[in-house]
Amino acid sequence: GRVHLLELDAPFKSRQEGIEILKWRLKGNLPVGPQQVQLDYQILEGREDGQLRCLAAAIARPVLAQFEELVEAAGRHAVQIELHSQSLFNYYRPRLDLGEEFLLIAVERGQLGLMYIAARALVYQRVRECAPEPELLFRELSRTLAEAVAVHPALQRCPVFAHLDPDQGAAVRELLAAATERELRVLDPQLKRFAGGATPGLPPTGAVLAALGAAERLINN
């Protein structure tokens, strides 16, 4: 799946029109051709001049079908499929007061993710596969931060929070602090609060937290 943030000049007349317009705008960045892609979107901000800021998610329909078949083979029915980074954020958002503006960095097995939130809205996001070697991680993070700061200068002054999978040691914390040149606040997943305070035996990995975040969102909707 791919996630894109876009600025649009005018509102959509219908949801289907919005999907078609976004497919056209993203035609060079879709994982497959427009006819083979499943696309959905969320309007993050509507401005007085009619402009929109949208978050669009796209996935190849054959890949989506594989997910649905796996879920059905497990005896379940696929109601909603979300992208990992949003679900991980949805887990932390109601549990911790992160403020109105912050940078969230997630370092998981083989993956580096960044989300910049300003005025409580997603402004920048990037998720990349990344080798666990510290030097490669530092290089990828520095490159991504430089790209983001060029577009959003305020990012270099905001608080920095981090989700680290349990296998990420103190060296990774030091690396992130060095790359961002700020104090790093590592998030507590607070899994101990589940089941009346008893530890449910789930590891606090990004995969587990994102699954919980997706489940909670589905229940609340």
N, C-alpha and C. Protein backbone atom coordinates (compact mmCIF):
# COMPACT_ATOMS: atom_id res chain seq x y z
N GLY A 1 0.83 -1.20 0.00
CA GLY A 1 0.00 0.00 0.00
C GLY A 1 0.86 1.24 0.00
N ARG A 2 0.33 2.31 -0.56
CA ARG A 2 1.03 3.59 -0.59
C ARG A 2 0.12 4.68 -0.05
N VAL A 3 0.72 5.62 0.66
CA VAL A 3 -0.02 6.74 1.24
C VAL A 3 0.52 8.04 0.64
N HIS A 4 -0.40 8.93 0.28
CA HIS A 4 -0.01 10.20 -0.31
C HIS A 4 -0.80 11.33 0.33
N LEU A 5 -0.13 12.46 0.56
CA LEU A 5 -0.79 13.69 1.01
C LEU A 5 -0.85 14.64 -0.17
N LEU A 6 -2.04 15.17 -0.45
CA LEU A 6 -2.21 16.02 -1.63
C LEU A 6 -2.96 17.29 -1.29
N GLU A 7 -2.64 18.36 -2.03
CA GLU A 7 -3.38 19.61 -1.98
C GLU A 7 -4.22 19.70 -3.26
N LEU A 8 -5.51 19.98 -3.11
CA LEU A 8 -6.42 20.06 -4.25
C LEU A 8 -7.11 21.42 -4.28
N ASP A 9 -7.44 21.88 -5.48
CA ASP A 9 -7.96 23.24 -5.65
C ASP A 9 -9.44 23.39 -5.38
N ALA A 10 -10.20 22.31 -5.47
CA ALA A 10 -11.66 22.43 -5.34
C ALA A 10 -12.23 21.17 -4.70
N PRO A 11 -13.37 21.29 -4.01
CA PRO A 11 -14.01 20.12 -3.41
C PRO A 11 -14.58 19.18 -4.46
N PHE A 12 -14.82 17.93 -4.07
CA PHE A 12 -15.39 16.93 -4.97
C PHE A 12 -16.92 16.99 -4.92
N LYS A 13 -17.55 16.71 -6.05
CA LYS A 13 -19.01 16.67 -6.10
C LYS A 13 -19.55 15.38 -5.47
N SER A 14 -18.74 14.33 -5.51
CA SER A 14 -19.14 13.04 -4.93
C SER A 14 -17.88 12.29 -4.53
N ARG A 15 -18.06 11.22 -3.73
CA ARG A 15 -16.91 10.42 -3.33
C ARG A 15 -16.26 9.74 -4.54
N GLN A 16 -17.09 9.25 -5.48
CA GLN A 16 -16.54 8.58 -6.65
C GLN A 16 -15.75 9.55 -7.51
N GLU A 17 -16.24 10.79 -7.63
CA GLU A 17 -15.47 11.79 -8.38
C GLU A 17 -14.12 12.03 -7.71
N GLY A 18 -14.12 12.08 -6.37
CA GLY A 18 -12.87 12.27 -5.66
C GLY A 18 -11.88 11.16 -5.93
N ILE A 19 -12.36 9.92 -5.96
CA ILE A 19 -11.49 8.77 -6.25
C ILE A 19 -10.89 8.88 -7.64
N GLU A 20 -11.71 9.24 -8.62
CA GLU A 20 -11.23 9.35 -10.00
C GLU A 20 -10.23 10.49 -10.15
N ILE A 21 -10.49 11.62 -9.50
CA ILE A 21 -9.56 12.76 -9.58
C ILE A 21 -8.23 12.40 -8.93
N LEU A 22 -8.28 11.72 -7.79
CA LEU A 22 -7.05 11.35 -7.11
C LEU A 22 -6.26 10.31 -7.90
N LYS A 23 -6.94 9.40 -8.55
CA LYS A 23 -6.24 8.44 -9.41
C LYS A 23 -5.50 9.16 -10.53
N TRP A 24 -6.15 10.17 -11.09
CA TRP A 24 -5.51 10.94 -12.17
C TRP A 24 -4.32 11.73 -11.65
N ARG A 25 -4.47 12.36 -10.46
CA ARG A 25 -3.38 13.13 -9.88
C ARG A 25 -2.19 12.24 -9.52
N LEU A 26 -2.47 11.00 -9.14
CA LEU A 26 -1.41 10.10 -8.66
C LEU A 26 -0.98 9.08 -9.70
N LYS A 27 -1.40 9.26 -10.95
CA LYS A 27 -1.17 8.22 -11.95
C LYS A 27 0.29 7.81 -12.10
N GLY A 28 1.22 8.71 -11.83
CA GLY A 28 2.63 8.35 -11.92
C GLY A 28 3.19 7.73 -10.66
N ASN A 29 2.38 7.66 -9.59
CA ASN A 29 2.87 7.16 -8.31
C ASN A 29 2.03 6.01 -7.76
N LEU A 30 1.18 5.44 -8.59
CA LEU A 30 0.36 4.32 -8.14
C LEU A 30 1.13 3.01 -8.27
N PRO A 31 0.86 2.03 -7.41
CA PRO A 31 1.59 0.76 -7.48
C PRO A 31 1.30 -0.02 -8.76
N VAL A 32 0.12 0.20 -9.35
CA VAL A 32 -0.26 -0.43 -10.62
C VAL A 32 -1.07 0.60 -11.42
N GLY A 33 -1.57 0.19 -12.59
CA GLY A 33 -2.38 1.09 -13.39
C GLY A 33 -3.66 1.50 -12.69
N PRO A 34 -4.25 2.66 -13.04
CA PRO A 34 -5.45 3.16 -12.37
C PRO A 34 -6.61 2.17 -12.34
N GLN A 35 -6.75 1.34 -13.37
CA GLN A 35 -7.86 0.39 -13.42
C GLN A 35 -7.66 -0.79 -12.49
N GLN A 36 -6.43 -1.01 -12.04
CA GLN A 36 -6.13 -2.16 -11.17
C GLN A 36 -5.88 -1.77 -9.73
N VAL A 37 -6.12 -0.52 -9.40
CA VAL A 37 -5.82 -0.04 -8.06
C VAL A 37 -7.10 0.22 -7.27
N GLN A 38 -7.05 -0.10 -5.99
CA GLN A 38 -8.12 0.25 -5.07
C GLN A 38 -7.65 1.48 -4.30
N LEU A 39 -8.42 2.55 -4.36
CA LEU A 39 -8.02 3.81 -3.74
C LEU A 39 -9.12 4.32 -2.84
N ASP A 40 -8.72 4.84 -1.70
CA ASP A 40 -9.65 5.50 -0.80
C ASP A 40 -8.96 6.74 -0.26
N TYR A 41 -9.74 7.65 0.30
CA TYR A 41 -9.14 8.90 0.76
C TYR A 41 -9.91 9.46 1.95
N GLN A 42 -9.25 10.38 2.66
CA GLN A 42 -9.86 11.11 3.76
C GLN A 42 -9.50 12.58 3.60
N ILE A 43 -10.49 13.46 3.73
CA ILE A 43 -10.24 14.90 3.67
C ILE A 43 -9.75 15.34 5.05
N LEU A 44 -8.51 15.83 5.12
CA LEU A 44 -7.93 16.25 6.38
C LEU A 44 -8.29 17.68 6.73
N GLU A 45 -8.44 18.51 5.69
CA GLU A 45 -8.72 19.92 5.94
C GLU A 45 -9.42 20.53 4.73
N GLY A 46 -10.51 21.26 4.98
CA GLY A 46 -11.19 22.04 3.96
C GLY A 46 -11.03 23.51 4.26
N ARG A 47 -10.47 24.28 3.34
CA ARG A 47 -10.17 25.68 3.60
C ARG A 47 -11.24 26.60 3.02
N GLU A 48 -11.24 27.85 3.49
CA GLU A 48 -12.27 28.80 3.08
C GLU A 48 -12.23 29.08 1.58
N ASP A 49 -11.06 28.99 0.97
CA ASP A 49 -10.95 29.25 -0.47
C ASP A 49 -11.34 28.04 -1.31
N GLY A 50 -11.82 26.98 -0.67
CA GLY A 50 -12.26 25.79 -1.40
C GLY A 50 -11.19 24.73 -1.55
N GLN A 51 -9.95 25.03 -1.20
CA GLN A 51 -8.89 24.05 -1.33
C GLN A 51 -9.02 22.95 -0.27
N LEU A 52 -8.54 21.77 -0.63
CA LEU A 52 -8.61 20.61 0.24
C LEU A 52 -7.21 20.04 0.46
N ARG A 53 -7.02 19.48 1.64
CA ARG A 53 -5.83 18.67 1.89
C ARG A 53 -6.32 17.27 2.16
N CYS A 54 -5.85 16.31 1.37
CA CYS A 54 -6.36 14.94 1.43
C CYS A 54 -5.26 13.94 1.74
N LEU A 55 -5.65 12.89 2.42
CA LEU A 55 -4.80 11.72 2.62
C LEU A 55 -5.38 10.60 1.77
N ALA A 56 -4.61 10.11 0.82
CA ALA A 56 -5.07 9.05 -0.08
C ALA A 56 -4.25 7.80 0.13
N ALA A 57 -4.92 6.65 0.13
CA ALA A 57 -4.25 5.35 0.26
C ALA A 57 -4.59 4.51 -0.96
N ALA A 58 -3.58 3.87 -1.54
CA ALA A 58 -3.79 3.07 -2.76
C ALA A 58 -3.11 1.72 -2.60
N ILE A 59 -3.77 0.68 -3.11
CA ILE A 59 -3.21 -0.67 -3.07
C ILE A 59 -3.66 -1.41 -4.32
N ALA A 60 -2.82 -2.27 -4.85
CA ALA A 60 -3.18 -3.06 -6.03
C ALA A 60 -4.30 -4.03 -5.67
N ARG A 61 -5.32 -4.10 -6.50
CA ARG A 61 -6.47 -4.97 -6.21
C ARG A 61 -6.08 -6.44 -6.05
N PRO A 62 -5.15 -6.98 -6.84
CA PRO A 62 -4.74 -8.38 -6.60
C PRO A 62 -4.14 -8.60 -5.21
N VAL A 63 -3.40 -7.60 -4.70
CA VAL A 63 -2.83 -7.71 -3.36
C VAL A 63 -3.94 -7.64 -2.32
N LEU A 64 -4.90 -6.74 -2.53
CA LEU A 64 -6.04 -6.63 -1.62
C LEU A 64 -6.82 -7.95 -1.59
N ALA A 65 -6.98 -8.56 -2.75
CA ALA A 65 -7.69 -9.83 -2.82
C ALA A 65 -6.96 -10.92 -2.04
N GLN A 66 -5.63 -10.90 -2.06
CA GLN A 66 -4.86 -11.89 -1.30
C GLN A 66 -5.10 -11.73 0.20
N PHE A 67 -5.14 -10.49 0.68
CA PHE A 67 -5.43 -10.25 2.10
C PHE A 67 -6.81 -10.79 2.46
N GLU A 68 -7.79 -10.49 1.61
CA GLU A 68 -9.16 -10.93 1.88
C GLU A 68 -9.25 -12.46 1.90
N GLU A 69 -8.55 -13.12 0.97
CA GLU A 69 -8.58 -14.58 0.92
C GLU A 69 -7.93 -15.19 2.16
N LEU A 70 -6.83 -14.59 2.64
CA LEU A 70 -6.17 -15.09 3.84
C LEU A 70 -7.08 -14.96 5.07
N VAL A 71 -7.77 -13.84 5.17
CA VAL A 71 -8.67 -13.63 6.29
C VAL A 71 -9.81 -14.64 6.25
N GLU A 72 -10.37 -14.85 5.07
CA GLU A 72 -11.47 -15.80 4.93
C GLU A 72 -11.00 -17.24 5.21
N ALA A 73 -9.78 -17.56 4.80
CA ALA A 73 -9.23 -18.90 5.07
C ALA A 73 -9.06 -19.14 6.57
N ALA A 74 -8.90 -18.05 7.32
CA ALA A 74 -8.78 -18.16 8.78
C ALA A 74 -10.14 -18.18 9.46
N GLY A 75 -11.20 -18.21 8.66
CA GLY A 75 -12.54 -18.28 9.23
C GLY A 75 -13.13 -16.95 9.64
N ARG A 76 -12.58 -15.85 9.08
CA ARG A 76 -13.06 -14.52 9.41
C ARG A 76 -13.52 -13.81 8.14
N HIS A 77 -14.09 -12.62 8.32
CA HIS A 77 -14.56 -11.85 7.18
C HIS A 77 -13.88 -10.48 7.22
N ALA A 78 -13.24 -10.10 6.12
CA ALA A 78 -12.53 -8.81 6.06
C ALA A 78 -13.53 -7.67 5.91
N VAL A 79 -13.59 -6.82 6.93
CA VAL A 79 -14.50 -5.67 6.89
C VAL A 79 -13.76 -4.41 6.47
N GLN A 80 -12.56 -4.25 6.98
CA GLN A 80 -11.80 -3.03 6.72
C GLN A 80 -10.31 -3.36 6.72
N ILE A 81 -9.60 -2.85 5.74
CA ILE A 81 -8.15 -3.05 5.67
C ILE A 81 -7.49 -1.68 5.75
N GLU A 82 -6.60 -1.52 6.72
CA GLU A 82 -5.93 -0.24 6.93
C GLU A 82 -4.42 -0.42 6.74
N LEU A 83 -3.75 0.71 6.64
CA LEU A 83 -2.30 0.68 6.52
C LEU A 83 -1.66 0.76 7.91
N HIS A 84 -0.54 0.09 8.05
CA HIS A 84 0.10 -0.12 9.34
C HIS A 84 0.40 1.18 10.07
N SER A 85 1.00 2.16 9.40
CA SER A 85 1.44 3.37 10.08
C SER A 85 0.28 4.11 10.72
N GLN A 86 -0.86 4.21 10.03
CA GLN A 86 -2.02 4.89 10.60
C GLN A 86 -2.57 4.13 11.81
N SER A 87 -2.58 2.82 11.73
CA SER A 87 -3.11 2.03 12.84
C SER A 87 -2.20 2.12 14.07
N LEU A 88 -0.89 2.17 13.86
CA LEU A 88 0.04 2.34 14.98
C LEU A 88 -0.19 3.69 15.65
N PHE A 89 -0.37 4.73 14.85
CA PHE A 89 -0.65 6.06 15.40
C PHE A 89 -1.99 6.07 16.13
N ASN A 90 -2.99 5.38 15.58
CA ASN A 90 -4.31 5.32 16.21
C ASN A 90 -4.26 4.65 17.58
N TYR A 91 -3.29 3.74 17.77
CA TYR A 91 -3.15 3.11 19.08
C TYR A 91 -2.66 4.13 20.12
N TYR A 92 -1.63 4.89 19.76
CA TYR A 92 -1.03 5.81 20.73
C TYR A 92 -1.87 7.07 20.96
N ARG A 93 -2.56 7.54 19.93
CA ARG A 93 -3.22 8.85 19.98
C ARG A 93 -4.15 9.03 21.17
N PRO A 94 -5.08 8.09 21.46
CA PRO A 94 -5.99 8.33 22.59
C PRO A 94 -5.38 8.05 23.96
N ARG A 95 -4.20 7.46 24.01
CA ARG A 95 -3.61 7.06 25.28
C ARG A 95 -2.63 8.08 25.83
N LEU A 96 -2.03 8.87 24.97
CA LEU A 96 -0.99 9.78 25.41
C LEU A 96 -1.26 11.18 24.86
N ASP A 97 -0.94 12.18 25.64
CA ASP A 97 -1.06 13.56 25.19
C ASP A 97 0.24 13.95 24.49
N LEU A 98 0.23 13.85 23.19
CA LEU A 98 1.43 14.15 22.41
C LEU A 98 1.51 15.61 22.01
N GLY A 99 0.42 16.37 22.25
CA GLY A 99 0.42 17.78 21.88
C GLY A 99 -0.14 18.01 20.49
N GLU A 100 -0.13 19.25 20.06
CA GLU A 100 -0.70 19.62 18.76
C GLU A 100 0.31 19.50 17.63
N GLU A 101 1.60 19.53 17.96
CA GLU A 101 2.63 19.44 16.92
C GLU A 101 3.76 18.56 17.43
N PHE A 102 4.11 17.55 16.63
CA PHE A 102 5.18 16.65 17.04
C PHE A 102 5.60 15.79 15.85
N LEU A 103 6.76 15.17 16.00
CA LEU A 103 7.27 14.20 15.04
C LEU A 103 7.25 12.83 15.72
N LEU A 104 6.63 11.86 15.06
CA LEU A 104 6.60 10.49 15.57
C LEU A 104 7.46 9.62 14.67
N ILE A 105 8.46 8.97 15.26
CA ILE A 105 9.35 8.07 14.52
C ILE A 105 9.12 6.65 15.02
N ALA A 106 8.92 5.74 14.10
CA ALA A 106 8.75 4.33 14.46
C ALA A 106 9.88 3.52 13.86
N VAL A 107 10.59 2.80 14.70
CA VAL A 107 11.66 1.91 14.23
C VAL A 107 11.24 0.49 14.58
N GLU A 108 10.93 -0.29 13.56
CA GLU A 108 10.50 -1.67 13.74
C GLU A 108 11.44 -2.56 12.95
N ARG A 109 11.15 -3.84 12.94
CA ARG A 109 12.04 -4.77 12.24
C ARG A 109 12.02 -4.49 10.74
N GLY A 110 13.12 -3.93 10.25
CA GLY A 110 13.23 -3.68 8.81
C GLY A 110 12.43 -2.52 8.30
N GLN A 111 11.90 -1.66 9.19
CA GLN A 111 11.07 -0.56 8.72
C GLN A 111 11.29 0.70 9.55
N LEU A 112 11.33 1.83 8.85
CA LEU A 112 11.45 3.14 9.48
C LEU A 112 10.28 3.99 9.02
N GLY A 113 9.55 4.56 9.97
CA GLY A 113 8.40 5.39 9.63
C GLY A 113 8.47 6.74 10.32
N LEU A 114 8.04 7.81 9.62
CA LEU A 114 7.98 9.14 10.20
C LEU A 114 6.61 9.75 9.92
N MET A 115 6.03 10.38 10.94
CA MET A 115 4.78 11.12 10.78
C MET A 115 4.96 12.47 11.47
N TYR A 116 4.72 13.56 10.73
CA TYR A 116 4.78 14.90 11.30
C TYR A 116 3.36 15.41 11.44
N ILE A 117 2.96 15.72 12.67
CA ILE A 117 1.63 16.21 12.98
C ILE A 117 1.74 17.68 13.36
N ALA A 118 0.93 18.53 12.75
CA ALA A 118 0.87 19.96 13.08
C ALA A 118 -0.60 20.35 13.19
N ALA A 119 -0.93 21.09 14.26
CA ALA A 119 -2.32 21.46 14.53
C ALA A 119 -3.20 20.21 14.57
N ARG A 120 -2.64 19.14 15.12
CA ARG A 120 -3.32 17.85 15.28
C ARG A 120 -3.73 17.21 13.96
N ALA A 121 -3.09 17.57 12.88
CA ALA A 121 -3.39 16.98 11.56
C ALA A 121 -2.10 16.47 10.93
N LEU A 122 -2.20 15.38 10.19
CA LEU A 122 -1.04 14.81 9.51
C LEU A 122 -0.59 15.73 8.39
N VAL A 123 0.68 16.11 8.43
CA VAL A 123 1.23 17.03 7.44
C VAL A 123 2.25 16.34 6.54
N TYR A 124 3.00 15.40 7.10
CA TYR A 124 4.04 14.71 6.33
C TYR A 124 4.13 13.28 6.83
N GLN A 125 4.34 12.36 5.90
CA GLN A 125 4.52 10.96 6.28
C GLN A 125 5.45 10.28 5.28
N ARG A 126 6.29 9.41 5.83
CA ARG A 126 7.11 8.57 4.97
C ARG A 126 7.43 7.27 5.71
N VAL A 127 7.28 6.17 5.00
CA VAL A 127 7.60 4.85 5.55
C VAL A 127 8.53 4.15 4.57
N ARG A 128 9.65 3.68 5.06
CA ARG A 128 10.64 3.04 4.19
C ARG A 128 11.13 1.74 4.80
N GLU A 129 11.38 0.77 3.93
CA GLU A 129 12.11 -0.41 4.39
C GLU A 129 13.54 0.01 4.65
N CYS A 130 14.09 -0.48 5.75
CA CYS A 130 15.44 -0.03 6.12
C CYS A 130 16.16 -1.16 6.85
N ALA A 131 17.37 -1.41 6.45
CA ALA A 131 18.18 -2.43 7.12
C ALA A 131 18.44 -2.02 8.56
N PRO A 132 18.54 -2.98 9.48
CA PRO A 132 18.70 -2.66 10.91
C PRO A 132 20.08 -2.14 11.29
N GLU A 133 21.04 -2.15 10.38
CA GLU A 133 22.38 -1.67 10.72
C GLU A 133 22.32 -0.19 11.10
N PRO A 134 22.92 0.20 12.25
CA PRO A 134 22.82 1.58 12.73
C PRO A 134 23.25 2.62 11.70
N GLU A 135 24.33 2.37 10.98
CA GLU A 135 24.82 3.36 10.02
C GLU A 135 23.80 3.59 8.90
N LEU A 136 23.20 2.52 8.39
CA LEU A 136 22.20 2.66 7.34
C LEU A 136 20.94 3.33 7.86
N LEU A 137 20.54 3.00 9.08
CA LEU A 137 19.36 3.63 9.68
C LEU A 137 19.59 5.12 9.87
N PHE A 138 20.76 5.50 10.38
CA PHE A 138 21.08 6.91 10.58
C PHE A 138 21.07 7.67 9.25
N ARG A 139 21.64 7.06 8.23
CA ARG A 139 21.71 7.71 6.92
C ARG A 139 20.31 7.91 6.34
N GLU A 140 19.47 6.89 6.43
CA GLU A 140 18.11 6.99 5.89
C GLU A 140 17.29 8.02 6.65
N LEU A 141 17.41 8.03 7.98
CA LEU A 141 16.68 8.98 8.79
C LEU A 141 17.14 10.41 8.51
N SER A 142 18.43 10.63 8.41
CA SER A 142 18.95 11.97 8.14
C SER A 142 18.49 12.48 6.78
N ARG A 143 18.50 11.59 5.79
CA ARG A 143 18.05 11.97 4.46
C ARG A 143 16.56 12.33 4.46
N THR A 144 15.77 11.54 5.15
CA THR A 144 14.33 11.78 5.20
C THR A 144 14.02 13.07 5.95
N LEU A 145 14.72 13.32 7.06
CA LEU A 145 14.50 14.54 7.82
C LEU A 145 14.87 15.78 7.01
N ALA A 146 15.96 15.71 6.27
CA ALA A 146 16.38 16.84 5.44
C ALA A 146 15.32 17.15 4.39
N GLU A 147 14.76 16.12 3.80
CA GLU A 147 13.70 16.30 2.81
C GLU A 147 12.45 16.92 3.43
N ALA A 148 12.08 16.45 4.61
CA ALA A 148 10.87 16.95 5.28
C ALA A 148 11.05 18.39 5.75
N VAL A 149 12.20 18.72 6.32
CA VAL A 149 12.45 20.07 6.83
C VAL A 149 12.47 21.09 5.69
N ALA A 150 12.91 20.69 4.51
CA ALA A 150 12.93 21.60 3.37
C ALA A 150 11.53 22.09 3.02
N VAL A 151 10.53 21.25 3.27
CA VAL A 151 9.14 21.61 2.98
C VAL A 151 8.44 22.16 4.22
N HIS A 152 8.81 21.63 5.39
CA HIS A 152 8.17 22.02 6.66
C HIS A 152 9.25 22.43 7.66
N PRO A 153 9.75 23.66 7.59
CA PRO A 153 10.86 24.08 8.46
C PRO A 153 10.56 23.95 9.95
N ALA A 154 9.30 24.09 10.35
CA ALA A 154 8.96 24.01 11.77
C ALA A 154 9.22 22.62 12.35
N LEU A 155 9.35 21.63 11.49
CA LEU A 155 9.59 20.26 11.94
C LEU A 155 10.88 20.13 12.74
N GLN A 156 11.87 20.99 12.45
CA GLN A 156 13.15 20.86 13.12
C GLN A 156 13.14 21.42 14.55
N ARG A 157 11.98 21.96 14.98
CA ARG A 157 11.89 22.50 16.34
C ARG A 157 10.85 21.79 17.21
N CYS A 158 10.05 20.90 16.63
CA CYS A 158 8.95 20.30 17.38
C CYS A 158 9.44 19.13 18.25
N PRO A 159 8.65 18.72 19.26
CA PRO A 159 9.01 17.55 20.07
C PRO A 159 9.09 16.29 19.22
N VAL A 160 9.92 15.34 19.65
CA VAL A 160 10.11 14.09 18.92
C VAL A 160 9.74 12.92 19.84
N PHE A 161 8.80 12.10 19.38
CA PHE A 161 8.42 10.88 20.08
C PHE A 161 8.85 9.69 19.22
N ALA A 162 9.03 8.55 19.87
CA ALA A 162 9.48 7.37 19.12
C ALA A 162 8.78 6.12 19.63
N HIS A 163 8.39 5.28 18.69
CA HIS A 163 8.01 3.90 19.01
C HIS A 163 9.18 3.03 18.61
N LEU A 164 9.66 2.22 19.55
CA LEU A 164 10.75 1.29 19.26
C LEU A 164 10.29 -0.11 19.60
N ASP A 165 10.44 -1.03 18.66
CA ASP A 165 10.15 -2.43 18.96
C ASP A 165 11.10 -2.91 20.06
N PRO A 166 10.70 -3.92 20.83
CA PRO A 166 11.51 -4.36 21.98
C PRO A 166 12.94 -4.76 21.64
N ASP A 167 13.16 -5.18 20.39
CA ASP A 167 14.52 -5.61 20.04
C ASP A 167 15.43 -4.45 19.67
N GLN A 168 14.93 -3.22 19.75
CA GLN A 168 15.74 -2.04 19.46
C GLN A 168 16.38 -1.56 20.76
N GLY A 169 17.69 -1.58 20.82
CA GLY A 169 18.39 -1.26 22.06
C GLY A 169 18.69 0.22 22.24
N ALA A 170 19.51 0.48 23.28
CA ALA A 170 19.87 1.86 23.62
C ALA A 170 20.61 2.55 22.49
N ALA A 171 21.35 1.78 21.69
CA ALA A 171 22.10 2.38 20.59
C ALA A 171 21.17 3.05 19.58
N VAL A 172 19.99 2.46 19.35
CA VAL A 172 19.03 3.06 18.42
C VAL A 172 18.48 4.36 18.98
N ARG A 173 18.23 4.40 20.29
CA ARG A 173 17.75 5.64 20.92
C ARG A 173 18.77 6.75 20.74
N GLU A 174 20.03 6.44 20.97
CA GLU A 174 21.09 7.43 20.82
C GLU A 174 21.20 7.89 19.37
N LEU A 175 21.03 6.95 18.46
CA LEU A 175 21.09 7.27 17.03
C LEU A 175 19.97 8.24 16.64
N LEU A 176 18.75 7.98 17.10
CA LEU A 176 17.62 8.84 16.77
C LEU A 176 17.81 10.23 17.38
N ALA A 177 18.30 10.28 18.60
CA ALA A 177 18.53 11.57 19.24
C ALA A 177 19.60 12.37 18.48
N ALA A 178 20.62 11.68 18.00
CA ALA A 178 21.68 12.35 17.26
C ALA A 178 21.16 12.86 15.91
N ALA A 179 20.34 12.06 15.24
CA ALA A 179 19.83 12.45 13.92
C ALA A 179 18.86 13.62 14.02
N THR A 180 18.03 13.64 15.06
CA THR A 180 17.05 14.72 15.20
C THR A 180 17.61 15.93 15.95
N GLU A 181 18.73 15.72 16.66
CA GLU A 181 19.38 16.77 17.44
C GLU A 181 18.44 17.34 18.51
N ARG A 182 17.63 16.45 19.09
CA ARG A 182 16.69 16.84 20.14
C ARG A 182 16.54 15.70 21.14
N GLU A 183 15.91 16.05 22.27
CA GLU A 183 15.59 15.01 23.24
C GLU A 183 14.56 14.06 22.65
N LEU A 184 14.78 12.79 22.83
CA LEU A 184 13.89 11.77 22.28
C LEU A 184 13.03 11.20 23.40
N ARG A 185 11.72 11.18 23.19
CA ARG A 185 10.81 10.63 24.18
C ARG A 185 10.25 9.31 23.65
N VAL A 186 10.71 8.21 24.24
CA VAL A 186 10.27 6.89 23.79
C VAL A 186 8.90 6.60 24.42
N LEU A 187 7.94 6.22 23.59
CA LEU A 187 6.57 6.01 24.04
C LEU A 187 6.43 4.69 24.80
N ASP A 188 5.61 4.72 25.84
CA ASP A 188 5.28 3.53 26.61
C ASP A 188 3.99 2.95 26.04
N PRO A 189 3.99 1.74 25.49
CA PRO A 189 2.78 1.16 24.91
C PRO A 189 1.65 0.92 25.92
N GLN A 190 1.99 0.83 27.21
CA GLN A 190 1.00 0.68 28.28
C GLN A 190 0.11 -0.56 28.10
N LEU A 191 0.67 -1.62 27.58
CA LEU A 191 -0.12 -2.85 27.42
C LEU A 191 -0.55 -3.43 28.77
N LYS A 192 0.15 -3.06 29.84
CA LYS A 192 -0.19 -3.58 31.16
C LYS A 192 -1.57 -3.14 31.61
N ARG A 193 -2.13 -2.10 30.98
CA ARG A 193 -3.46 -1.62 31.35
C ARG A 193 -4.58 -2.50 30.80
N PHE A 194 -4.24 -3.36 29.86
CA PHE A 194 -5.26 -4.25 29.30
C PHE A 194 -5.63 -5.32 30.33
N ALA A 195 -6.82 -5.85 30.19
CA ALA A 195 -7.30 -6.97 31.03
C ALA A 195 -7.20 -6.64 32.51
N GLY A 196 -7.64 -5.41 32.86
CA GLY A 196 -7.69 -5.03 34.27
C GLY A 196 -6.33 -4.91 34.92
N GLY A 197 -5.32 -4.60 34.15
CA GLY A 197 -3.99 -4.41 34.70
C GLY A 197 -3.09 -5.61 34.55
N ALA A 198 -3.65 -6.76 34.19
CA ALA A 198 -2.83 -7.96 34.00
C ALA A 198 -2.16 -7.92 32.64
N THR A 199 -0.94 -8.36 32.56
CA THR A 199 -0.22 -8.39 31.29
C THR A 199 -0.81 -9.48 30.40
N PRO A 200 -1.30 -9.13 29.21
CA PRO A 200 -1.94 -10.13 28.36
C PRO A 200 -0.98 -11.07 27.65
N GLY A 201 0.32 -10.88 27.83
CA GLY A 201 1.28 -11.75 27.17
C GLY A 201 1.60 -11.35 25.75
N LEU A 202 1.14 -10.18 25.33
CA LEU A 202 1.43 -9.69 23.98
C LEU A 202 2.71 -8.86 23.99
N PRO A 203 3.59 -9.08 23.04
CA PRO A 203 4.80 -8.26 22.97
C PRO A 203 4.45 -6.87 22.44
N PRO A 204 5.04 -5.81 22.97
CA PRO A 204 4.70 -4.45 22.55
C PRO A 204 5.36 -4.06 21.22
N THR A 205 5.19 -4.89 20.21
CA THR A 205 5.75 -4.59 18.90
C THR A 205 4.79 -3.70 18.12
N GLY A 206 5.30 -3.06 17.08
CA GLY A 206 4.45 -2.23 16.24
C GLY A 206 3.33 -3.03 15.60
N ALA A 207 3.60 -4.30 15.27
CA ALA A 207 2.57 -5.14 14.64
C ALA A 207 1.40 -5.36 15.59
N VAL A 208 1.69 -5.65 16.86
CA VAL A 208 0.64 -5.89 17.84
C VAL A 208 -0.13 -4.60 18.13
N LEU A 209 0.58 -3.50 18.34
CA LEU A 209 -0.08 -2.23 18.66
C LEU A 209 -0.94 -1.74 17.50
N ALA A 210 -0.45 -1.90 16.27
CA ALA A 210 -1.24 -1.49 15.11
C ALA A 210 -2.51 -2.33 14.99
N ALA A 211 -2.41 -3.62 15.28
CA ALA A 211 -3.60 -4.47 15.23
C ALA A 211 -4.63 -4.02 16.27
N LEU A 212 -4.14 -3.67 17.47
CA LEU A 212 -5.05 -3.18 18.50
C LEU A 212 -5.66 -1.84 18.10
N GLY A 213 -4.84 -0.97 17.52
CA GLY A 213 -5.35 0.33 17.08
C GLY A 213 -6.41 0.21 16.00
N ALA A 214 -6.20 -0.73 15.08
CA ALA A 214 -7.19 -0.95 14.01
C ALA A 214 -8.48 -1.53 14.59
N ALA A 215 -8.35 -2.47 15.54
CA ALA A 215 -9.53 -3.07 16.15
C ALA A 215 -10.34 -2.05 16.92
N GLU A 216 -9.67 -1.19 17.68
CA GLU A 216 -10.37 -0.16 18.45
C GLU A 216 -11.08 0.83 17.54
N ARG A 217 -10.44 1.19 16.46
CA ARG A 217 -11.08 2.13 15.52
C ARG A 217 -12.31 1.51 14.90
N LEU A 218 -12.24 0.23 14.57
CA LEU A 218 -13.39 -0.47 13.97
C LEU A 218 -14.55 -0.54 14.95
N ILE A 219 -14.24 -0.82 16.22
CA ILE A 219 -15.28 -0.89 17.24
C ILE A 219 -15.91 0.48 17.48
N ASN A 220 -15.08 1.52 17.55
CA ASN A 220 -15.58 2.85 17.84
C ASN A 220 -16.39 3.45 16.69
N ASN A 221 -16.14 2.96 15.47
CA ASN A 221 -16.89 3.47 14.31
C ASN A 221 -18.21 2.73 14.16
